[in-house]
């Protein structure tokens, strides 16, 4: 399906839509082109979807294949850092049920991405930088309030530095801007893991829904607590 370069108000009129609805569609279409769907009210987004669903599809000879989310660069970057932390934790010999805060955060971010399936194109990845201070604040706040905590070390820069010696990559550090010497790696005991995961899940899902432009028109509800992509 091709993306139209102008609104199709006349086609709606030909389909029998009222003049008021046709004018509203044209105005909302122009507004979205200028300012983006995220700035529209919910009922206006719903009206646009209804209008565009009523229009006949524009066909081309090209076939578009949607790339799975797990093949998107941003998603693979988060998986890369999560795997690096998993490997580090295996070597640290953590107590049974213990878990680092950072891998829990990344697991919950990936879970939210799996559920909502954002486009993760350039607009999304630019806006996704807004997740970085959120992650930092979640870890900082939990570290100050949770007693069942063990402070270990992890070199957040090293995994990406090693990767760059093997292949060319444009991936950014997970914690861009932190000093190399900041290697604090808070680990939760088993009794604190579930509560931290619930808090991290709640905050990350909300921020992802509100931050990524491709989810601006999504009406998908919050994922059920027992939802899993497995």
Protein backbone atom coordinates (compact mmCIF):
# COMPACT_ATOMS: atom_id res chain seq x y z
CA UNK A 1 0.00 0.00 0.00
CA UNK A 2 1.41 3.39 -0.97
CA UNK A 3 1.44 6.36 1.36
CA UNK A 4 -0.60 9.25 -0.02
CA UNK A 5 1.16 12.59 -0.46
CA UNK A 6 -2.04 14.62 0.04
CA UNK A 7 -5.36 14.11 1.75
CA UNK A 8 -8.18 12.31 -0.05
CA UNK A 9 -11.13 14.41 1.05
CA UNK A 10 -12.83 14.28 -2.34
CA UNK A 11 -12.91 10.48 -2.20
CA UNK A 12 -14.64 10.60 1.17
CA UNK A 13 -17.17 13.02 -0.27
CA UNK A 14 -17.76 10.65 -3.18
CA UNK A 15 -18.36 7.88 -0.64
CA UNK A 16 -21.22 9.90 0.86
CA UNK A 17 -19.53 11.43 3.89
CA UNK A 18 -21.04 14.70 5.13
CA UNK A 19 -19.36 17.97 4.23
CA UNK A 20 -18.52 18.63 7.91
CA UNK A 21 -16.79 15.26 8.23
CA UNK A 22 -14.92 15.76 4.97
CA UNK A 23 -13.65 19.17 6.12
CA UNK A 24 -12.70 17.77 9.54
CA UNK A 25 -10.76 14.95 7.90
CA UNK A 26 -8.81 17.34 5.64
CA UNK A 27 -7.95 19.65 8.55
CA UNK A 28 -6.83 16.79 10.81
CA UNK A 29 -4.80 15.20 8.00
CA UNK A 30 -2.96 18.50 7.38
CA UNK A 31 -2.37 18.98 11.11
CA UNK A 32 -0.92 15.48 11.46
CA UNK A 33 1.44 16.08 8.53
CA UNK A 34 2.77 19.23 10.18
CA UNK A 35 2.86 18.33 13.86
CA UNK A 36 2.50 14.56 14.12
CA UNK A 37 -0.28 12.31 15.37
CA UNK A 38 1.02 12.42 18.95
CA UNK A 39 -0.28 16.00 19.24
CA UNK A 40 -3.84 15.10 18.23
CA UNK A 41 -6.61 14.42 20.73
CA UNK A 42 -7.66 10.79 21.13
CA UNK A 43 -11.06 11.25 19.43
CA UNK A 44 -9.39 13.05 16.51
CA UNK A 45 -6.95 10.15 16.03
CA UNK A 46 -9.87 7.73 16.10
CA UNK A 47 -11.75 9.82 13.54
CA UNK A 48 -8.73 9.85 11.21
CA UNK A 49 -8.37 6.08 11.46
CA UNK A 50 -12.06 5.62 10.70
CA UNK A 51 -11.84 7.91 7.67
CA UNK A 52 -8.71 6.27 6.30
CA UNK A 53 -10.16 2.80 6.83
CA UNK A 54 -13.10 3.83 4.66
CA UNK A 55 -10.87 4.89 1.76
CA UNK A 56 -9.86 2.35 -0.89
CA UNK A 57 -6.29 1.13 -0.62
CA UNK A 58 -3.62 2.63 -2.87
CA UNK A 59 -1.79 -0.26 -4.47
CA UNK A 60 1.68 -0.39 -5.96
CA UNK A 61 3.68 -3.12 -7.64
CA UNK A 62 6.08 -3.25 -4.69
CA UNK A 63 5.54 -5.62 -1.81
CA UNK A 64 6.45 -4.36 1.63
CA UNK A 65 7.68 -6.85 4.21
CA UNK A 66 7.56 -5.70 7.81
CA UNK A 67 10.76 -6.38 9.67
CA UNK A 68 10.22 -8.33 12.92
CA UNK A 69 10.87 -6.23 16.01
CA UNK A 70 13.64 -8.55 17.17
CA UNK A 71 15.58 -7.66 14.01
CA UNK A 72 15.46 -3.91 14.66
CA UNK A 73 18.77 -2.36 15.65
CA UNK A 74 17.47 -0.71 18.83
CA UNK A 75 15.97 -3.98 20.06
CA UNK A 76 19.15 -5.91 19.28
CA UNK A 77 21.21 -3.29 21.12
CA UNK A 78 19.18 -3.80 24.31
CA UNK A 79 19.50 -7.58 23.91
CA UNK A 80 23.26 -7.21 23.53
CA UNK A 81 23.66 -5.38 26.84
CA UNK A 82 21.28 -7.75 28.59
CA UNK A 83 23.29 -10.75 27.43
CA UNK A 84 26.52 -9.10 28.59
CA UNK A 85 25.02 -8.66 32.06
CA UNK A 86 23.69 -12.22 32.13
CA UNK A 87 27.14 -13.54 31.34
CA UNK A 88 28.71 -11.34 34.02
CA UNK A 89 26.20 -12.51 36.63
CA UNK A 90 26.99 -16.14 35.84
CA UNK A 91 30.62 -15.43 36.68
CA UNK A 92 29.80 -13.46 39.83
CA UNK A 93 28.18 -16.47 41.47
CA UNK A 94 25.12 -14.68 42.81
CA UNK A 95 22.98 -16.22 45.54
CA UNK A 96 20.00 -18.24 44.34
CA UNK A 97 17.20 -15.94 43.14
CA UNK A 98 19.34 -12.79 43.25
CA UNK A 99 19.30 -10.51 40.23
CA UNK A 100 20.89 -7.26 39.14
CA UNK A 101 18.62 -4.23 38.77
CA UNK A 102 19.93 -3.39 35.31
CA UNK A 103 19.08 -6.69 33.59
CA UNK A 104 15.60 -6.58 35.14
CA UNK A 105 15.12 -3.12 33.62
CA UNK A 106 16.24 -4.31 30.19
CA UNK A 107 14.04 -7.42 30.38
CA UNK A 108 11.02 -5.25 31.14
CA UNK A 109 11.86 -2.83 28.35
CA UNK A 110 12.09 -5.69 25.86
CA UNK A 111 8.82 -7.13 27.17
CA UNK A 112 7.06 -3.80 26.56
CA UNK A 113 8.55 -3.54 23.06
CA UNK A 114 7.44 -7.10 22.26
CA UNK A 115 3.92 -6.28 23.42
CA UNK A 116 3.40 -2.92 21.70
CA UNK A 117 5.56 -3.61 18.62
CA UNK A 118 6.57 0.00 17.84
CA UNK A 119 8.13 0.73 14.45
CA UNK A 120 11.55 1.50 16.04
CA UNK A 121 12.57 3.59 13.05
CA UNK A 122 14.59 6.78 13.38
CA UNK A 123 11.83 8.87 15.07
CA UNK A 124 11.33 6.16 17.70
CA UNK A 125 15.03 5.59 18.36
CA UNK A 126 15.65 9.32 18.76
CA UNK A 127 12.82 9.67 21.26
CA UNK A 128 13.90 6.45 23.01
CA UNK A 129 16.86 8.38 24.42
CA UNK A 130 14.28 9.66 26.87
CA UNK A 131 14.29 6.21 28.46
CA UNK A 132 17.89 6.62 29.61
CA UNK A 133 17.26 9.08 32.48
CA UNK A 134 14.21 7.03 33.47
CA UNK A 135 16.35 3.90 33.86
CA UNK A 136 18.92 5.85 35.87
CA UNK A 137 16.28 7.28 38.19
CA UNK A 138 14.63 3.89 38.77
CA UNK A 139 17.97 2.37 39.79
CA UNK A 140 18.94 5.37 41.92
CA UNK A 141 15.62 5.47 43.76
CA UNK A 142 15.53 1.73 44.39
CA UNK A 143 19.15 1.67 45.55
CA UNK A 144 18.34 4.27 48.18
CA UNK A 145 15.17 2.60 49.47
CA UNK A 146 15.74 -1.17 49.24
CA UNK A 147 17.67 -2.76 52.09
CA UNK A 148 18.01 -6.24 50.56
CA UNK A 149 20.74 -5.01 48.24
CA UNK A 150 24.30 -6.04 47.37
CA UNK A 151 26.56 -3.61 45.53
CA UNK A 152 28.86 -5.33 43.02
CA UNK A 153 30.73 -3.95 40.00
CA UNK A 154 30.18 -4.18 36.27
CA UNK A 155 32.02 -2.34 33.49
CA UNK A 156 29.13 -0.86 31.49
CA UNK A 157 31.48 0.36 28.73
CA UNK A 158 33.53 -2.77 28.17
CA UNK A 159 31.02 -4.97 26.24
CA UNK A 160 30.52 -2.36 23.54
CA UNK A 161 34.23 -1.50 23.43
CA UNK A 162 35.04 -5.18 22.84
CA UNK A 163 32.37 -5.46 20.14
CA UNK A 164 33.81 -2.46 18.30
CA UNK A 165 37.18 -4.23 18.05
CA UNK A 166 35.47 -7.08 16.20
CA UNK A 167 32.96 -5.34 13.97
CA UNK A 168 31.69 -1.96 12.89
CA UNK A 169 28.69 -0.78 14.88
CA UNK A 170 26.89 2.51 15.44
CA UNK A 171 25.37 1.37 18.73
CA UNK A 172 25.58 3.84 21.60
CA UNK A 173 26.61 2.90 25.14
CA UNK A 174 23.76 1.80 27.39
CA UNK A 175 24.58 4.55 29.88
CA UNK A 176 25.99 7.21 27.61
CA UNK A 177 27.73 10.00 29.47
CA UNK A 178 28.57 8.12 32.67
CA UNK A 179 32.19 7.97 33.73
CA UNK A 180 34.11 4.77 33.06
CA UNK A 181 34.85 4.47 36.76
CA UNK A 182 31.13 4.33 37.62
CA UNK A 183 30.78 0.57 37.76
CA UNK A 184 28.29 0.23 40.61
CA UNK A 185 26.04 -2.73 39.91
CA UNK A 186 23.25 -3.13 42.48
CA UNK A 187 22.03 -6.71 42.95
CA UNK A 188 18.71 -7.53 44.61
CA UNK A 189 18.22 -10.49 46.90
CA UNK A 190 15.43 -12.89 45.99
CA UNK A 191 12.89 -11.27 48.35
CA UNK A 192 13.24 -7.88 46.62
CA UNK A 193 13.25 -8.98 42.97
CA UNK A 194 9.49 -9.22 42.36
CA UNK A 195 8.63 -5.83 43.88
CA UNK A 196 11.39 -4.11 41.92
CA UNK A 197 10.29 -5.79 38.69
CA UNK A 198 6.70 -4.63 39.18
CA UNK A 199 7.81 -1.05 39.80
CA UNK A 200 10.19 -1.07 36.83
CA UNK A 201 7.50 -2.58 34.61
CA UNK A 202 4.93 0.03 35.57
CA UNK A 203 7.23 2.96 34.90
CA UNK A 204 8.79 1.67 31.69
CA UNK A 205 5.50 0.67 30.05
CA UNK A 206 4.07 4.13 30.73
CA UNK A 207 7.13 5.95 29.39
CA UNK A 208 7.38 3.76 26.28
CA UNK A 209 3.70 4.29 25.45
CA UNK A 210 4.00 8.04 25.86
CA UNK A 211 7.43 8.53 24.27
CA UNK A 212 7.64 6.54 21.04
CA UNK A 213 5.96 8.40 18.14
CA UNK A 214 4.84 5.22 16.37
CA UNK A 215 2.68 4.35 19.41
CA UNK A 216 0.90 7.71 19.43
CA UNK A 217 -2.22 6.23 17.82
CA UNK A 218 -2.09 2.90 19.62
CA UNK A 219 -5.19 2.01 21.60
CA UNK A 220 -3.63 -1.19 22.92
CA UNK A 221 -4.17 -1.45 26.69
CA UNK A 222 -1.45 -2.06 29.23
CA UNK A 223 -0.14 -5.64 29.00
CA UNK A 224 -1.66 -8.04 31.54
CA UNK A 225 0.71 -8.94 34.37
CA UNK A 226 0.94 -12.53 33.14
CA UNK A 227 1.61 -11.55 29.49
CA UNK A 228 4.74 -13.06 27.97
CA UNK A 229 6.12 -13.31 24.46
CA UNK A 230 7.49 -16.76 25.17
